[in-house]
Amino acid sequence: MLKLYVSGASPNSVRAIGNIQRILDQHIANRYTLSITDIHQDKTVAEKEQIIAVPVLIRKFPLPEKRLIGDMSDSEKVLKGLDIVNAKTEE
């Protein structure tokens, strides 16, 4: 389960949404759940999730939890950070 937290329609947030959707669709299409939350609309979530920077992608499952901060433009970094590269090489 992946959660992307953004800050309104800021350029970084818009890029992060497009980039992560593209990456996930190319590499694990139909095998992921992504929720997108705007912390400006739900301010309590930032405190609850201990978010200090946005955009941030949090992988809740499988454990351990992983966090990636930024606009998700570096596909290699995102794939490595989510352990998708390792999963593909094992198939």
N, C-alpha and C. Protein backbone atom coordinates (compact mmCIF):
# COMPACT_ATOMS: atom_id res chain seq x y z
N MET A 1 0.84 -1.18 0.00
CA MET A 1 0.00 0.00 0.00
C MET A 1 0.89 1.24 0.00
N LEU A 2 0.61 2.13 -0.94
CA LEU A 2 1.39 3.35 -1.09
C LEU A 2 0.51 4.56 -0.83
N LYS A 3 1.09 5.54 -0.11
CA LYS A 3 0.38 6.78 0.17
C LYS A 3 1.26 7.94 -0.25
N LEU A 4 0.71 8.81 -1.09
CA LEU A 4 1.42 10.00 -1.54
C LEU A 4 0.77 11.20 -0.88
N TYR A 5 1.57 11.97 -0.17
CA TYR A 5 1.08 13.18 0.47
C TYR A 5 1.63 14.38 -0.30
N VAL A 6 0.73 15.27 -0.68
CA VAL A 6 1.09 16.44 -1.48
C VAL A 6 0.60 17.71 -0.80
N SER A 7 1.02 18.84 -1.37
CA SER A 7 0.65 20.14 -0.84
C SER A 7 -0.09 20.92 -1.92
N GLY A 8 -1.39 20.75 -1.99
CA GLY A 8 -2.20 21.45 -2.97
C GLY A 8 -1.78 21.13 -4.38
N ALA A 9 -1.87 22.13 -5.24
CA ALA A 9 -1.52 21.96 -6.65
C ALA A 9 -0.17 22.60 -6.96
N SER A 10 0.75 22.51 -6.01
CA SER A 10 2.09 23.06 -6.23
C SER A 10 2.75 22.30 -7.38
N PRO A 11 3.69 22.95 -8.08
CA PRO A 11 4.36 22.26 -9.19
C PRO A 11 5.00 20.93 -8.79
N ASN A 12 5.67 20.90 -7.62
CA ASN A 12 6.28 19.64 -7.17
C ASN A 12 5.24 18.56 -6.90
N SER A 13 4.11 18.95 -6.34
CA SER A 13 3.06 17.98 -6.05
C SER A 13 2.46 17.42 -7.33
N VAL A 14 2.20 18.29 -8.29
CA VAL A 14 1.64 17.85 -9.58
C VAL A 14 2.62 16.91 -10.28
N ARG A 15 3.91 17.26 -10.28
CA ARG A 15 4.93 16.39 -10.89
C ARG A 15 5.00 15.04 -10.17
N ALA A 16 4.96 15.08 -8.84
CA ALA A 16 5.05 13.84 -8.07
C ALA A 16 3.90 12.90 -8.41
N ILE A 17 2.70 13.44 -8.51
CA ILE A 17 1.53 12.61 -8.84
C ILE A 17 1.71 11.96 -10.21
N GLY A 18 2.05 12.76 -11.21
CA GLY A 18 2.24 12.22 -12.56
C GLY A 18 3.37 11.22 -12.63
N ASN A 19 4.50 11.55 -12.00
CA ASN A 19 5.66 10.66 -12.05
C ASN A 19 5.41 9.33 -11.36
N ILE A 20 4.83 9.35 -10.17
CA ILE A 20 4.64 8.08 -9.46
C ILE A 20 3.61 7.22 -10.17
N GLN A 21 2.57 7.82 -10.71
CA GLN A 21 1.58 7.02 -11.45
C GLN A 21 2.22 6.39 -12.68
N ARG A 22 3.05 7.14 -13.39
CA ARG A 22 3.73 6.61 -14.58
C ARG A 22 4.67 5.46 -14.20
N ILE A 23 5.47 5.66 -13.17
CA ILE A 23 6.42 4.64 -12.74
C ILE A 23 5.70 3.36 -12.32
N LEU A 24 4.68 3.51 -11.51
CA LEU A 24 3.95 2.33 -11.03
C LEU A 24 3.24 1.61 -12.17
N ASP A 25 2.64 2.37 -13.08
CA ASP A 25 1.95 1.74 -14.21
C ASP A 25 2.92 1.01 -15.12
N GLN A 26 4.13 1.52 -15.28
CA GLN A 26 5.12 0.87 -16.14
C GLN A 26 5.71 -0.38 -15.52
N HIS A 27 5.84 -0.39 -14.20
CA HIS A 27 6.59 -1.47 -13.56
C HIS A 27 5.74 -2.46 -12.76
N ILE A 28 4.64 -2.01 -12.20
CA ILE A 28 3.81 -2.94 -11.41
C ILE A 28 2.32 -2.68 -11.66
N ALA A 29 1.97 -2.45 -12.90
CA ALA A 29 0.58 -2.14 -13.26
C ALA A 29 -0.38 -3.15 -12.65
N ASN A 30 -1.47 -2.65 -12.10
CA ASN A 30 -2.54 -3.47 -11.50
C ASN A 30 -2.10 -4.27 -10.29
N ARG A 31 -0.92 -3.97 -9.74
CA ARG A 31 -0.46 -4.70 -8.55
C ARG A 31 -0.14 -3.76 -7.40
N TYR A 32 -0.78 -2.60 -7.37
CA TYR A 32 -0.50 -1.65 -6.30
C TYR A 32 -1.76 -0.87 -5.95
N THR A 33 -1.74 -0.31 -4.76
CA THR A 33 -2.78 0.60 -4.31
C THR A 33 -2.10 1.91 -3.94
N LEU A 34 -2.56 2.99 -4.55
CA LEU A 34 -1.99 4.31 -4.29
C LEU A 34 -3.10 5.25 -3.86
N SER A 35 -2.91 5.85 -2.69
CA SER A 35 -3.84 6.89 -2.26
C SER A 35 -3.08 8.21 -2.23
N ILE A 36 -3.77 9.28 -2.63
CA ILE A 36 -3.15 10.60 -2.68
C ILE A 36 -3.92 11.51 -1.72
N THR A 37 -3.18 12.14 -0.81
CA THR A 37 -3.79 13.02 0.19
C THR A 37 -3.16 14.39 0.13
N ASP A 38 -4.01 15.40 0.06
CA ASP A 38 -3.55 16.79 0.09
C ASP A 38 -3.54 17.22 1.56
N ILE A 39 -2.35 17.50 2.09
CA ILE A 39 -2.27 17.83 3.52
C ILE A 39 -2.91 19.18 3.83
N HIS A 40 -3.15 20.00 2.81
CA HIS A 40 -3.84 21.27 3.05
C HIS A 40 -5.32 21.04 3.33
N GLN A 41 -5.88 19.97 2.78
CA GLN A 41 -7.28 19.66 3.02
C GLN A 41 -7.47 18.85 4.29
N ASP A 42 -6.44 18.14 4.71
CA ASP A 42 -6.51 17.32 5.92
C ASP A 42 -5.24 17.55 6.73
N LYS A 43 -5.21 18.64 7.48
CA LYS A 43 -4.01 19.05 8.21
C LYS A 43 -3.61 18.07 9.33
N THR A 44 -4.55 17.34 9.88
CA THR A 44 -4.22 16.42 10.96
C THR A 44 -3.38 15.24 10.49
N VAL A 45 -3.51 14.90 9.22
CA VAL A 45 -2.77 13.74 8.70
C VAL A 45 -1.27 13.99 8.73
N ALA A 46 -0.83 15.22 8.49
CA ALA A 46 0.60 15.52 8.51
C ALA A 46 1.21 15.26 9.88
N GLU A 47 0.48 15.62 10.90
CA GLU A 47 0.97 15.37 12.27
C GLU A 47 0.93 13.89 12.59
N LYS A 48 -0.17 13.26 12.24
CA LYS A 48 -0.35 11.83 12.53
C LYS A 48 0.72 10.97 11.83
N GLU A 49 1.04 11.31 10.59
CA GLU A 49 2.03 10.55 9.82
C GLU A 49 3.45 11.08 10.00
N GLN A 50 3.61 12.13 10.80
CA GLN A 50 4.91 12.75 11.05
C GLN A 50 5.58 13.19 9.76
N ILE A 51 4.81 13.91 8.94
CA ILE A 51 5.31 14.40 7.66
C ILE A 51 5.98 15.76 7.88
N ILE A 52 7.23 15.84 7.46
CA ILE A 52 7.96 17.10 7.62
C ILE A 52 8.27 17.76 6.28
N ALA A 53 8.08 17.04 5.18
CA ALA A 53 8.32 17.58 3.85
C ALA A 53 7.36 16.92 2.87
N VAL A 54 6.93 17.67 1.87
CA VAL A 54 6.07 17.12 0.83
C VAL A 54 6.59 17.57 -0.54
N PRO A 55 6.33 16.83 -1.57
CA PRO A 55 5.61 15.56 -1.58
C PRO A 55 6.43 14.44 -0.96
N VAL A 56 5.72 13.52 -0.33
CA VAL A 56 6.36 12.35 0.26
C VAL A 56 5.51 11.12 -0.07
N LEU A 57 6.19 10.07 -0.49
CA LEU A 57 5.54 8.80 -0.77
C LEU A 57 5.89 7.85 0.36
N ILE A 58 4.88 7.26 0.96
CA ILE A 58 5.11 6.32 2.05
C ILE A 58 4.60 4.95 1.64
N ARG A 59 5.50 3.96 1.70
CA ARG A 59 5.09 2.58 1.46
C ARG A 59 4.80 1.97 2.82
N LYS A 60 3.53 1.67 3.05
CA LYS A 60 3.11 1.11 4.32
C LYS A 60 3.30 -0.40 4.38
N PHE A 61 3.10 -1.04 3.26
CA PHE A 61 3.17 -2.50 3.21
C PHE A 61 3.77 -2.90 1.88
N PRO A 62 4.63 -3.86 1.80
CA PRO A 62 5.11 -4.70 2.89
C PRO A 62 6.08 -3.94 3.79
N LEU A 63 6.15 -4.38 5.02
CA LEU A 63 7.06 -3.79 5.98
C LEU A 63 8.50 -4.09 5.58
N PRO A 64 9.47 -3.30 5.91
CA PRO A 64 9.38 -2.11 6.73
C PRO A 64 8.83 -0.93 5.92
N GLU A 65 8.25 0.02 6.64
CA GLU A 65 7.76 1.23 6.01
C GLU A 65 8.92 1.98 5.37
N LYS A 66 8.68 2.54 4.19
CA LYS A 66 9.71 3.31 3.50
C LYS A 66 9.12 4.65 3.08
N ARG A 67 9.96 5.69 3.07
CA ARG A 67 9.54 7.04 2.70
C ARG A 67 10.47 7.60 1.64
N LEU A 68 9.87 8.20 0.62
CA LEU A 68 10.61 8.87 -0.44
C LEU A 68 10.10 10.29 -0.54
N ILE A 69 11.00 11.26 -0.49
CA ILE A 69 10.60 12.66 -0.54
C ILE A 69 11.04 13.25 -1.89
N GLY A 70 10.17 14.06 -2.48
CA GLY A 70 10.52 14.74 -3.72
C GLY A 70 9.45 14.55 -4.78
N ASP A 71 9.78 14.95 -6.00
CA ASP A 71 8.78 14.91 -7.07
C ASP A 71 8.77 13.58 -7.84
N MET A 72 9.50 12.60 -7.36
CA MET A 72 9.53 11.25 -7.92
C MET A 72 10.03 11.23 -9.36
N SER A 73 10.85 12.21 -9.73
CA SER A 73 11.33 12.30 -11.10
C SER A 73 12.49 11.34 -11.39
N ASP A 74 13.16 10.87 -10.36
CA ASP A 74 14.25 9.92 -10.53
C ASP A 74 13.70 8.49 -10.43
N SER A 75 13.32 7.95 -11.58
CA SER A 75 12.67 6.63 -11.61
C SER A 75 13.50 5.55 -10.92
N GLU A 76 14.82 5.55 -11.17
CA GLU A 76 15.69 4.54 -10.56
C GLU A 76 15.64 4.61 -9.04
N LYS A 77 15.70 5.82 -8.52
CA LYS A 77 15.67 6.02 -7.07
C LYS A 77 14.34 5.55 -6.49
N VAL A 78 13.25 5.86 -7.17
CA VAL A 78 11.92 5.45 -6.71
C VAL A 78 11.81 3.93 -6.72
N LEU A 79 12.23 3.31 -7.82
CA LEU A 79 12.15 1.85 -7.93
C LEU A 79 12.99 1.16 -6.85
N LYS A 80 14.20 1.66 -6.64
CA LYS A 80 15.07 1.10 -5.60
C LYS A 80 14.47 1.33 -4.22
N GLY A 81 13.98 2.54 -3.99
CA GLY A 81 13.41 2.88 -2.69
C GLY A 81 12.20 2.05 -2.33
N LEU A 82 11.46 1.62 -3.34
CA LEU A 82 10.27 0.79 -3.10
C LEU A 82 10.58 -0.69 -3.24
N ASP A 83 11.84 -1.03 -3.47
CA ASP A 83 12.27 -2.43 -3.66
C ASP A 83 11.62 -3.07 -4.89
N ILE A 84 11.26 -2.28 -5.85
CA ILE A 84 10.65 -2.83 -7.07
C ILE A 84 11.71 -3.40 -7.98
N VAL A 85 12.89 -2.81 -8.01
CA VAL A 85 13.98 -3.30 -8.85
C VAL A 85 14.34 -4.72 -8.43
N ASN A 86 14.49 -4.94 -7.12
CA ASN A 86 14.83 -6.28 -6.63
C ASN A 86 13.75 -7.28 -6.95
N ALA A 87 12.49 -6.86 -6.83
CA ALA A 87 11.38 -7.77 -7.10
C ALA A 87 11.37 -8.18 -8.56
N LYS A 88 11.68 -7.26 -9.48
CA LYS A 88 11.67 -7.59 -10.90
C LYS A 88 12.81 -8.51 -11.27
N THR A 89 13.99 -8.36 -10.66
CA THR A 89 15.10 -9.21 -11.01
C THR A 89 14.93 -10.63 -10.50
N GLU A 90 14.09 -10.81 -9.49
CA GLU A 90 13.85 -12.14 -8.94
C GLU A 90 12.83 -12.92 -9.75
N GLU A 91 12.04 -12.23 -10.59
CA GLU A 91 10.99 -12.91 -11.35
C GLU A 91 11.57 -13.72 -12.49
